[in-house]
Amino acid sequence: ASVSFATPGKYVLSVYPNPVANTVRLSLKSNATDLVANIITAEGLFVLSARGDINHINRQINDRIPTLSKGVYILKIGNASESHVVKFSKQ
């Protein structure tokens, strides 16, 4: 299953698969190279951060996804001009 959220305009953030096992694929229809991604727990605790374009963020997050505990997480990704939020589960 995949979860996608459309933001008014041209941007769409997708997380696949959801729930996540040991790897995740993030897709963001944006050419931005100055993105910041933060993952927090459902309780609001900061877990990890990544920076760069969506490809760099994918690599950085996938390096650390296996270390996350099972549960629900919130991914916030954006920069000064755009912001996206998606919820995902870790198996």
PDB file of N, CA and C in Angstrom:
ATOM      1  N   ALA A   1       0.842  -1.186   0.000  1.00  0.00           N
ATOM      2  CA  ALA A   1       0.000   0.000   0.000  1.00  0.00           C
ATOM      3  C   ALA A   1       0.876   1.233   0.000  1.00  0.00           C
ATOM      4  N   SER A   2       0.384   2.281  -0.545  1.00  0.00           N
ATOM      5  CA  SER A   2       1.097   3.550  -0.637  1.00  0.00           C
ATOM      6  C   SER A   2       0.210   4.642  -0.064  1.00  0.00           C
ATOM      7  N   VAL A   3       0.811   5.620   0.549  1.00  0.00           N
ATOM      8  CA  VAL A   3       0.070   6.759   1.062  1.00  0.00           C
ATOM      9  C   VAL A   3       0.577   7.994   0.344  1.00  0.00           C
ATOM     10  N   SER A   4      -0.336   8.767  -0.234  1.00  0.00           N
ATOM     11  CA  SER A   4       0.036   9.979  -0.951  1.00  0.00           C
ATOM     12  C   SER A   4      -0.819  11.131  -0.458  1.00  0.00           C
ATOM     13  N   PHE A   5      -0.223  12.286  -0.386  1.00  0.00           N
ATOM     14  CA  PHE A   5      -0.952  13.482  -0.031  1.00  0.00           C
ATOM     15  C   PHE A   5      -0.684  14.544  -1.072  1.00  0.00           C
ATOM     16  N   ALA A   6      -1.743  15.120  -1.598  1.00  0.00           N
ATOM     17  CA  ALA A   6      -1.600  16.200  -2.571  1.00  0.00           C
ATOM     18  C   ALA A   6      -1.655  17.527  -1.834  1.00  0.00           C
ATOM     19  N   THR A   7      -0.796  18.421  -2.228  1.00  0.00           N
ATOM     20  CA  THR A   7      -0.765  19.772  -1.713  1.00  0.00           C
ATOM     21  C   THR A   7      -1.245  20.657  -2.844  1.00  0.00           C
ATOM     22  N   PRO A   8      -2.025  21.709  -2.564  1.00  0.00           N
ATOM     23  CA  PRO A   8      -2.443  22.571  -3.662  1.00  0.00           C
ATOM     24  C   PRO A   8      -1.239  22.966  -4.509  1.00  0.00           C
ATOM     25  N   GLY A   9      -1.376  22.842  -5.798  1.00  0.00           N
ATOM     26  CA  GLY A   9      -0.252  23.102  -6.689  1.00  0.00           C
ATOM     27  C   GLY A   9       0.255  21.796  -7.266  1.00  0.00           C
ATOM     28  N   LYS A  10       1.545  21.712  -7.518  1.00  0.00           N
ATOM     29  CA  LYS A  10       2.106  20.579  -8.247  1.00  0.00           C
ATOM     30  C   LYS A  10       2.796  19.542  -7.374  1.00  0.00           C
ATOM     31  N   TYR A  11       2.820  19.697  -6.077  1.00  0.00           N
ATOM     32  CA  TYR A  11       3.620  18.813  -5.233  1.00  0.00           C
ATOM     33  C   TYR A  11       2.798  17.672  -4.663  1.00  0.00           C
ATOM     34  N   VAL A  12       3.374  16.478  -4.676  1.00  0.00           N
ATOM     35  CA  VAL A  12       2.747  15.301  -4.088  1.00  0.00           C
ATOM     36  C   VAL A  12       3.839  14.502  -3.387  1.00  0.00           C
ATOM     37  N   LEU A  13       3.578  14.121  -2.146  1.00  0.00           N
ATOM     38  CA  LEU A  13       4.500  13.303  -1.361  1.00  0.00           C
ATOM     39  C   LEU A  13       3.916  11.908  -1.220  1.00  0.00           C
ATOM     40  N   SER A  14       4.716  10.885  -1.543  1.00  0.00           N
ATOM     41  CA  SER A  14       4.286   9.498  -1.402  1.00  0.00           C
ATOM     42  C   SER A  14       5.294   8.725  -0.572  1.00  0.00           C
ATOM     43  N   VAL A  15       4.798   7.779   0.221  1.00  0.00           N
ATOM     44  CA  VAL A  15       5.626   6.857   0.993  1.00  0.00           C
ATOM     45  C   VAL A  15       5.208   5.447   0.595  1.00  0.00           C
ATOM     46  N   TYR A  16       6.182   4.630   0.157  1.00  0.00           N
ATOM     47  CA  TYR A  16       5.878   3.271  -0.275  1.00  0.00           C
ATOM     48  C   TYR A  16       6.997   2.343   0.165  1.00  0.00           C
ATOM     49  N   PRO A  17       6.760   1.176   0.657  1.00  0.00           N
ATOM     50  CA  PRO A  17       5.453   0.661   1.080  1.00  0.00           C
ATOM     51  C   PRO A  17       5.060   1.251   2.429  1.00  0.00           C
ATOM     52  N   ASN A  18       3.839   1.140   2.763  1.00  0.00           N
ATOM     53  CA  ASN A  18       3.355   1.581   4.055  1.00  0.00           C
ATOM     54  C   ASN A  18       2.360   0.532   4.536  1.00  0.00           C
ATOM     55  N   PRO A  19       2.685  -0.272   5.527  1.00  0.00           N
ATOM     56  CA  PRO A  19       3.770  -0.110   6.493  1.00  0.00           C
ATOM     57  C   PRO A  19       5.149  -0.434   5.922  1.00  0.00           C
ATOM     58  N   VAL A  20       6.160   0.151   6.566  1.00  0.00           N
ATOM     59  CA  VAL A  20       7.554   0.036   6.169  1.00  0.00           C
ATOM     60  C   VAL A  20       8.203  -1.114   6.929  1.00  0.00           C
ATOM     61  N   ALA A  21       9.026  -1.897   6.236  1.00  0.00           N
ATOM     62  CA  ALA A  21       9.793  -2.951   6.908  1.00  0.00           C
ATOM     63  C   ALA A  21      11.211  -2.423   7.148  1.00  0.00           C
ATOM     64  N   ASN A  22      12.108  -2.576   6.186  1.00  0.00           N
ATOM     65  CA  ASN A  22      13.485  -2.100   6.344  1.00  0.00           C
ATOM     66  C   ASN A  22      13.900  -1.058   5.327  1.00  0.00           C
ATOM     67  N   THR A  23      13.079  -0.846   4.300  1.00  0.00           N
ATOM     68  CA  THR A  23      13.359   0.214   3.321  1.00  0.00           C
ATOM     69  C   THR A  23      12.069   0.933   2.998  1.00  0.00           C
ATOM     70  N   VAL A  24      12.211   2.162   2.580  1.00  0.00           N
ATOM     71  CA  VAL A  24      11.071   2.996   2.216  1.00  0.00           C
ATOM     72  C   VAL A  24      11.437   3.771   0.954  1.00  0.00           C
ATOM     73  N   ARG A  25      10.450   4.063   0.151  1.00  0.00           N
ATOM     74  CA  ARG A  25      10.668   4.894  -1.032  1.00  0.00           C
ATOM     75  C   ARG A  25       9.822   6.137  -0.879  1.00  0.00           C
ATOM     76  N   LEU A  26      10.499   7.272  -0.844  1.00  0.00           N
ATOM     77  CA  LEU A  26       9.813   8.560  -0.790  1.00  0.00           C
ATOM     78  C   LEU A  26       9.785   9.139  -2.187  1.00  0.00           C
ATOM     79  N   SER A  27       8.652   9.672  -2.561  1.00  0.00           N
ATOM     80  CA  SER A  27       8.513  10.318  -3.857  1.00  0.00           C
ATOM     81  C   SER A  27       7.893  11.688  -3.629  1.00  0.00           C
ATOM     82  N   LEU A  28       8.544  12.707  -4.134  1.00  0.00           N
ATOM     83  CA  LEU A  28       8.046  14.071  -4.001  1.00  0.00           C
ATOM     84  C   LEU A  28       8.193  14.750  -5.338  1.00  0.00           C
ATOM     85  N   LYS A  29       7.081  15.202  -5.891  1.00  0.00           N
ATOM     86  CA  LYS A  29       7.124  15.894  -7.172  1.00  0.00           C
ATOM     87  C   LYS A  29       7.540  17.336  -6.920  1.00  0.00           C
ATOM     88  N   SER A  30       8.840  17.516  -6.835  1.00  0.00           N
ATOM     89  CA  SER A  30       9.432  18.824  -6.568  1.00  0.00           C
ATOM     90  C   SER A  30      10.872  18.785  -7.030  1.00  0.00           C
ATOM     91  N   ASN A  31      11.355  19.887  -7.543  1.00  0.00           N
ATOM     92  CA  ASN A  31      12.750  19.989  -7.958  1.00  0.00           C
ATOM     93  C   ASN A  31      13.629  20.598  -6.871  1.00  0.00           C
ATOM     94  N   ALA A  32      13.074  20.825  -5.703  1.00  0.00           N
ATOM     95  CA  ALA A  32      13.810  21.474  -4.618  1.00  0.00           C
ATOM     96  C   ALA A  32      15.031  20.649  -4.218  1.00  0.00           C
ATOM     97  N   THR A  33      16.133  21.341  -3.958  1.00  0.00           N
ATOM     98  CA  THR A  33      17.365  20.679  -3.518  1.00  0.00           C
ATOM     99  C   THR A  33      17.702  21.031  -2.076  1.00  0.00           C
ATOM    100  N   ASP A  34      16.912  21.883  -1.470  1.00  0.00           N
ATOM    101  CA  ASP A  34      17.193  22.376  -0.120  1.00  0.00           C
ATOM    102  C   ASP A  34      16.157  21.885   0.887  1.00  0.00           C
ATOM    103  N   LEU A  35      15.736  20.645   0.734  1.00  0.00           N
ATOM    104  CA  LEU A  35      14.705  20.086   1.600  1.00  0.00           C
ATOM    105  C   LEU A  35      15.273  19.625   2.936  1.00  0.00           C
ATOM    106  N   VAL A  36      14.436  19.683   3.948  1.00  0.00           N
ATOM    107  CA  VAL A  36      14.751  19.133   5.263  1.00  0.00           C
ATOM    108  C   VAL A  36      13.636  18.158   5.610  1.00  0.00           C
ATOM    109  N   ALA A  37      14.010  16.958   6.002  1.00  0.00           N
ATOM    110  CA  ALA A  37      13.034  15.938   6.404  1.00  0.00           C
ATOM    111  C   ALA A  37      13.267  15.600   7.871  1.00  0.00           C
ATOM    112  N   ASN A  38      12.189  15.531   8.622  1.00  0.00           N
ATOM    113  CA  ASN A  38      12.249  15.125  10.024  1.00  0.00           C
ATOM    114  C   ASN A  38      11.252  14.009  10.243  1.00  0.00           C
ATOM    115  N   ILE A  39      11.659  13.009  10.992  1.00  0.00           N
ATOM    116  CA  ILE A  39      10.759  11.937  11.390  1.00  0.00           C
ATOM    117  C   ILE A  39      10.583  12.032  12.891  1.00  0.00           C
ATOM    118  N   ILE A  40       9.312  12.034  13.310  1.00  0.00           N
ATOM    119  CA  ILE A  40       8.977  12.070  14.725  1.00  0.00           C
ATOM    120  C   ILE A  40       8.030  10.912  15.029  1.00  0.00           C
ATOM    121  N   THR A  41       8.010  10.494  16.276  1.00  0.00           N
ATOM    122  CA  THR A  41       7.085   9.438  16.683  1.00  0.00           C
ATOM    123  C   THR A  41       5.682  10.021  16.781  1.00  0.00           C
ATOM    124  N   ALA A  42       4.695   9.137  16.888  1.00  0.00           N
ATOM    125  CA  ALA A  42       3.313   9.591  17.062  1.00  0.00           C
ATOM    126  C   ALA A  42       3.154  10.377  18.360  1.00  0.00           C
ATOM    127  N   GLU A  43       4.078  10.148  19.308  1.00  0.00           N
ATOM    128  CA  GLU A  43       4.042  10.873  20.580  1.00  0.00           C
ATOM    129  C   GLU A  43       4.747  12.223  20.498  1.00  0.00           C
ATOM    130  N   GLY A  44       5.357  12.528  19.342  1.00  0.00           N
ATOM    131  CA  GLY A  44       6.006  13.821  19.158  1.00  0.00           C
ATOM    132  C   GLY A  44       7.489  13.843  19.451  1.00  0.00           C
ATOM    133  N   LEU A  45       8.120  12.670  19.648  1.00  0.00           N
ATOM    134  CA  LEU A  45       9.549  12.617  19.927  1.00  0.00           C
ATOM    135  C   LEU A  45      10.341  12.606  18.627  1.00  0.00           C
ATOM    136  N   PHE A  46      11.349  13.461  18.533  1.00  0.00           N
ATOM    137  CA  PHE A  46      12.208  13.538  17.354  1.00  0.00           C
ATOM    138  C   PHE A  46      13.022  12.255  17.218  1.00  0.00           C
ATOM    139  N   VAL A  47      13.072  11.697  15.992  1.00  0.00           N
ATOM    140  CA  VAL A  47      13.793  10.457  15.743  1.00  0.00           C
ATOM    141  C   VAL A  47      14.993  10.683  14.835  1.00  0.00           C
ATOM    142  N   LEU A  48      14.779  11.319  13.694  1.00  0.00           N
ATOM    143  CA  LEU A  48      15.900  11.554  12.788  1.00  0.00           C
ATOM    144  C   LEU A  48      15.605  12.699  11.832  1.00  0.00           C
ATOM    145  N   SER A  49      16.676  13.198  11.221  1.00  0.00           N
ATOM    146  CA  SER A  49      16.589  14.305  10.283  1.00  0.00           C
ATOM    147  C   SER A  49      17.471  14.006   9.081  1.00  0.00           C
ATOM    148  N   ALA A  50      17.083  14.526   7.921  1.00  0.00           N
ATOM    149  CA  ALA A  50      17.861  14.370   6.699  1.00  0.00           C
ATOM    150  C   ALA A  50      17.732  15.650   5.886  1.00  0.00           C
ATOM    151  N   ARG A  51      18.740  15.933   5.048  1.00  0.00           N
ATOM    152  CA  ARG A  51      18.745  17.156   4.242  1.00  0.00           C
ATOM    153  C   ARG A  51      19.195  16.867   2.825  1.00  0.00           C
ATOM    154  N   GLY A  52      18.741  17.709   1.895  1.00  0.00           N
ATOM    155  CA  GLY A  52      19.164  17.625   0.503  1.00  0.00           C
ATOM    156  C   GLY A  52      17.977  17.543  -0.428  1.00  0.00           C
ATOM    157  N   ASP A  53      18.194  16.977  -1.622  1.00  0.00           N
ATOM    158  CA  ASP A  53      17.067  16.751  -2.520  1.00  0.00           C
ATOM    159  C   ASP A  53      16.409  15.427  -2.119  1.00  0.00           C
ATOM    160  N   ILE A  54      15.323  15.087  -2.780  1.00  0.00           N
ATOM    161  CA  ILE A  54      14.569  13.904  -2.366  1.00  0.00           C
ATOM    162  C   ILE A  54      15.399  12.626  -2.480  1.00  0.00           C
ATOM    163  N   ASN A  55      16.317  12.544  -3.440  1.00  0.00           N
ATOM    164  CA  ASN A  55      17.162  11.357  -3.579  1.00  0.00           C
ATOM    165  C   ASN A  55      18.130  11.217  -2.410  1.00  0.00           C
ATOM    166  N   HIS A  56      18.734  12.332  -1.988  1.00  0.00           N
ATOM    167  CA  HIS A  56      19.630  12.302  -0.826  1.00  0.00           C
ATOM    168  C   HIS A  56      18.855  11.924   0.439  1.00  0.00           C
ATOM    169  N   ILE A  57      17.665  12.488   0.581  1.00  0.00           N
ATOM    170  CA  ILE A  57      16.844  12.192   1.754  1.00  0.00           C
ATOM    171  C   ILE A  57      16.453  10.722   1.770  1.00  0.00           C
ATOM    172  N   ASN A  58      16.085  10.166   0.614  1.00  0.00           N
ATOM    173  CA  ASN A  58      15.768   8.732   0.527  1.00  0.00           C
ATOM    174  C   ASN A  58      16.925   7.889   1.044  1.00  0.00           C
ATOM    175  N   ARG A  59      18.132   8.180   0.584  1.00  0.00           N
ATOM    176  CA  ARG A  59      19.307   7.400   1.008  1.00  0.00           C
ATOM    177  C   ARG A  59      19.565   7.548   2.499  1.00  0.00           C
ATOM    178  N   GLN A  60      19.509   8.775   3.012  1.00  0.00           N
ATOM    179  CA  GLN A  60      19.782   9.011   4.430  1.00  0.00           C
ATOM    180  C   GLN A  60      18.756   8.307   5.321  1.00  0.00           C
ATOM    181  N   ILE A  61      17.493   8.394   4.952  1.00  0.00           N
ATOM    182  CA  ILE A  61      16.449   7.755   5.757  1.00  0.00           C
ATOM    183  C   ILE A  61      16.560   6.236   5.679  1.00  0.00           C
ATOM    184  N   ASN A  62      16.815   5.697   4.488  1.00  0.00           N
ATOM    185  CA  ASN A  62      16.924   4.240   4.346  1.00  0.00           C
ATOM    186  C   ASN A  62      18.115   3.669   5.091  1.00  0.00           C
ATOM    187  N   ASP A  63      19.159   4.468   5.293  1.00  0.00           N
ATOM    188  CA  ASP A  63      20.287   4.018   6.107  1.00  0.00           C
ATOM    189  C   ASP A  63      19.862   3.794   7.556  1.00  0.00           C
ATOM    190  N   ARG A  64      18.828   4.516   8.005  1.00  0.00           N
ATOM    191  CA  ARG A  64      18.443   4.470   9.416  1.00  0.00           C
ATOM    192  C   ARG A  64      17.095   3.810   9.698  1.00  0.00           C
ATOM    193  N   ILE A  65      16.304   3.556   8.670  1.00  0.00           N
ATOM    194  CA  ILE A  65      14.988   2.931   8.867  1.00  0.00           C
ATOM    195  C   ILE A  65      15.078   1.622   9.652  1.00  0.00           C
ATOM    196  N   PRO A  66      16.054   0.743   9.373  1.00  0.00           N
ATOM    197  CA  PRO A  66      16.098  -0.525  10.124  1.00  0.00           C
ATOM    198  C   PRO A  66      16.256  -0.339  11.636  1.00  0.00           C
ATOM    199  N   THR A  67      16.772   0.800  12.077  1.00  0.00           N
ATOM    200  CA  THR A  67      16.989   1.026  13.510  1.00  0.00           C
ATOM    201  C   THR A  67      15.733   1.530  14.227  1.00  0.00           C
ATOM    202  N   LEU A  68      14.706   1.911  13.477  1.00  0.00           N
ATOM    203  CA  LEU A  68      13.483   2.407  14.110  1.00  0.00           C
ATOM    204  C   LEU A  68      12.712   1.263  14.746  1.00  0.00           C
ATOM    205  N   SER A  69      12.113   1.539  15.885  1.00  0.00           N
ATOM    206  CA  SER A  69      11.249   0.565  16.550  1.00  0.00           C
ATOM    207  C   SER A  69       9.926   0.475  15.803  1.00  0.00           C
ATOM    208  N   LYS A  70       9.199  -0.622  16.021  1.00  0.00           N
ATOM    209  CA  LYS A  70       7.868  -0.746  15.433  1.00  0.00           C
ATOM    210  C   LYS A  70       6.987   0.359  15.985  1.00  0.00           C
ATOM    211  N   GLY A  71       6.132   0.913  15.116  1.00  0.00           N
ATOM    212  CA  GLY A  71       5.218   1.950  15.566  1.00  0.00           C
ATOM    213  C   GLY A  71       4.823   2.894  14.456  1.00  0.00           C
ATOM    214  N   VAL A  72       4.136   3.960  14.839  1.00  0.00           N
ATOM    215  CA  VAL A  72       3.649   4.967  13.908  1.00  0.00           C
ATOM    216  C   VAL A  72       4.569   6.182  13.968  1.00  0.00           C
ATOM    217  N   TYR A  73       4.915   6.699  12.794  1.00  0.00           N
ATOM    218  CA  TYR A  73       5.811   7.844  12.679  1.00  0.00           C
ATOM    219  C   TYR A  73       5.209   8.892  11.754  1.00  0.00           C
ATOM    220  N   ILE A  74       5.666  10.110  11.907  1.00  0.00           N
ATOM    221  CA  ILE A  74       5.250  11.217  11.056  1.00  0.00           C
ATOM    222  C   ILE A  74       6.481  11.769  10.370  1.00  0.00           C
ATOM    223  N   LEU A  75       6.413  11.849   9.045  1.00  0.00           N
ATOM    224  CA  LEU A  75       7.485  12.413   8.236  1.00  0.00           C
ATOM    225  C   LEU A  75       7.063  13.813   7.812  1.00  0.00           C
ATOM    226  N   LYS A  76       7.888  14.785   8.149  1.00  0.00           N
ATOM    227  CA  LYS A  76       7.676  16.163   7.720  1.00  0.00           C
ATOM    228  C   LYS A  76       8.817  16.507   6.777  1.00  0.00           C
ATOM    229  N   ILE A  77       8.483  16.984   5.594  1.00  0.00           N
ATOM    230  CA  ILE A  77       9.509  17.325   4.619  1.00  0.00           C
ATOM    231  C   ILE A  77       9.139  18.646   3.952  1.00  0.00           C
ATOM    232  N   GLY A  78      10.146  19.496   3.772  1.00  0.00           N
ATOM    233  CA  GLY A  78       9.865  20.773   3.133  1.00  0.00           C
ATOM    234  C   GLY A  78      11.044  21.721   3.193  1.00  0.00           C
ATOM    235  N   ASN A  79      10.762  22.951   2.816  1.00  0.00           N
ATOM    236  CA  ASN A  79      11.735  24.037   2.867  1.00  0.00           C
ATOM    237  C   ASN A  79      10.957  25.328   3.102  1.00  0.00           C
ATOM    238  N   ALA A  80      11.541  26.471   2.782  1.00  0.00           N
ATOM    239  CA  ALA A  80      10.884  27.751   3.051  1.00  0.00           C
ATOM    240  C   ALA A  80       9.623  27.959   2.213  1.00  0.00           C
ATOM    241  N   SER A  81       9.522  27.280   1.072  1.00  0.00           N
ATOM    242  CA  SER A  81       8.392  27.530   0.176  1.00  0.00           C
ATOM    243  C   SER A  81       7.384  26.388   0.070  1.00  0.00           C
ATOM    244  N   GLU A  82       7.681  25.231   0.628  1.00  0.00           N
ATOM    245  CA  GLU A  82       6.749  24.106   0.574  1.00  0.00           C
ATOM    246  C   GLU A  82       6.898  23.245   1.819  1.00  0.00           C
ATOM    247  N   SER A  83       5.803  22.582   2.187  1.00  0.00           N
ATOM    248  CA  SER A  83       5.818  21.733   3.363  1.00  0.00           C
ATOM    249  C   SER A  83       4.842  20.581   3.166  1.00  0.00           C
ATOM    250  N   HIS A  84       5.261  19.369   3.539  1.00  0.00           N
ATOM    251  CA  HIS A  84       4.442  18.175   3.361  1.00  0.00           C
ATOM    252  C   HIS A  84       4.572  17.299   4.598  1.00  0.00           C
ATOM    253  N   VAL A  85       3.492  16.616   4.929  1.00  0.00           N
ATOM    254  CA  VAL A  85       3.474  15.741   6.097  1.00  0.00           C
ATOM    255  C   VAL A  85       2.776  14.443   5.701  1.00  0.00           C
ATOM    256  N   VAL A  86       3.349  13.323   6.131  1.00  0.00           N
ATOM    257  CA  VAL A  86       2.730  12.028   5.891  1.00  0.00           C
ATOM    258  C   VAL A  86       2.996  11.114   7.091  1.00  0.00           C
ATOM    259  N   LYS A  87       2.030  10.270   7.407  1.00  0.00           N
ATOM    260  CA  LYS A  87       2.166   9.320   8.497  1.00  0.00           C
ATOM    261  C   LYS A  87       2.486   7.948   7.907  1.00  0.00           C
ATOM    262  N   PHE A  88       3.375   7.203   8.572  1.00  0.00           N
ATOM    263  CA  PHE A  88       3.668   5.844   8.130  1.00  0.00           C
ATOM    264  C   PHE A  88       3.893   4.953   9.345  1.00  0.00           C
ATOM    265  N   SER A  89       3.769   3.643   9.106  1.00  0.00           N
ATOM    266  CA  SER A  89       3.982   2.652  10.151  1.00  0.00           C
ATOM    267  C   SER A  89       5.252   1.884   9.868  1.00  0.00           C
ATOM    268  N   LYS A  90       5.989   1.537  10.930  1.00  0.00           N
ATOM    269  CA  LYS A  90       7.182   0.703  10.838  1.00  0.00           C
ATOM    270  C   LYS A  90       6.821  -0.650  11.417  1.00  0.00           C
ATOM    271  N   GLN A  91       7.061  -1.724  10.649  1.00  0.00           N
ATOM    272  CA  GLN A  91       6.785  -3.079  11.116  1.00  0.00           C
ATOM    273  C   GLN A  91       7.938  -3.632  11.913  1.00  0.00           C
TER     274      GLN A  91
END
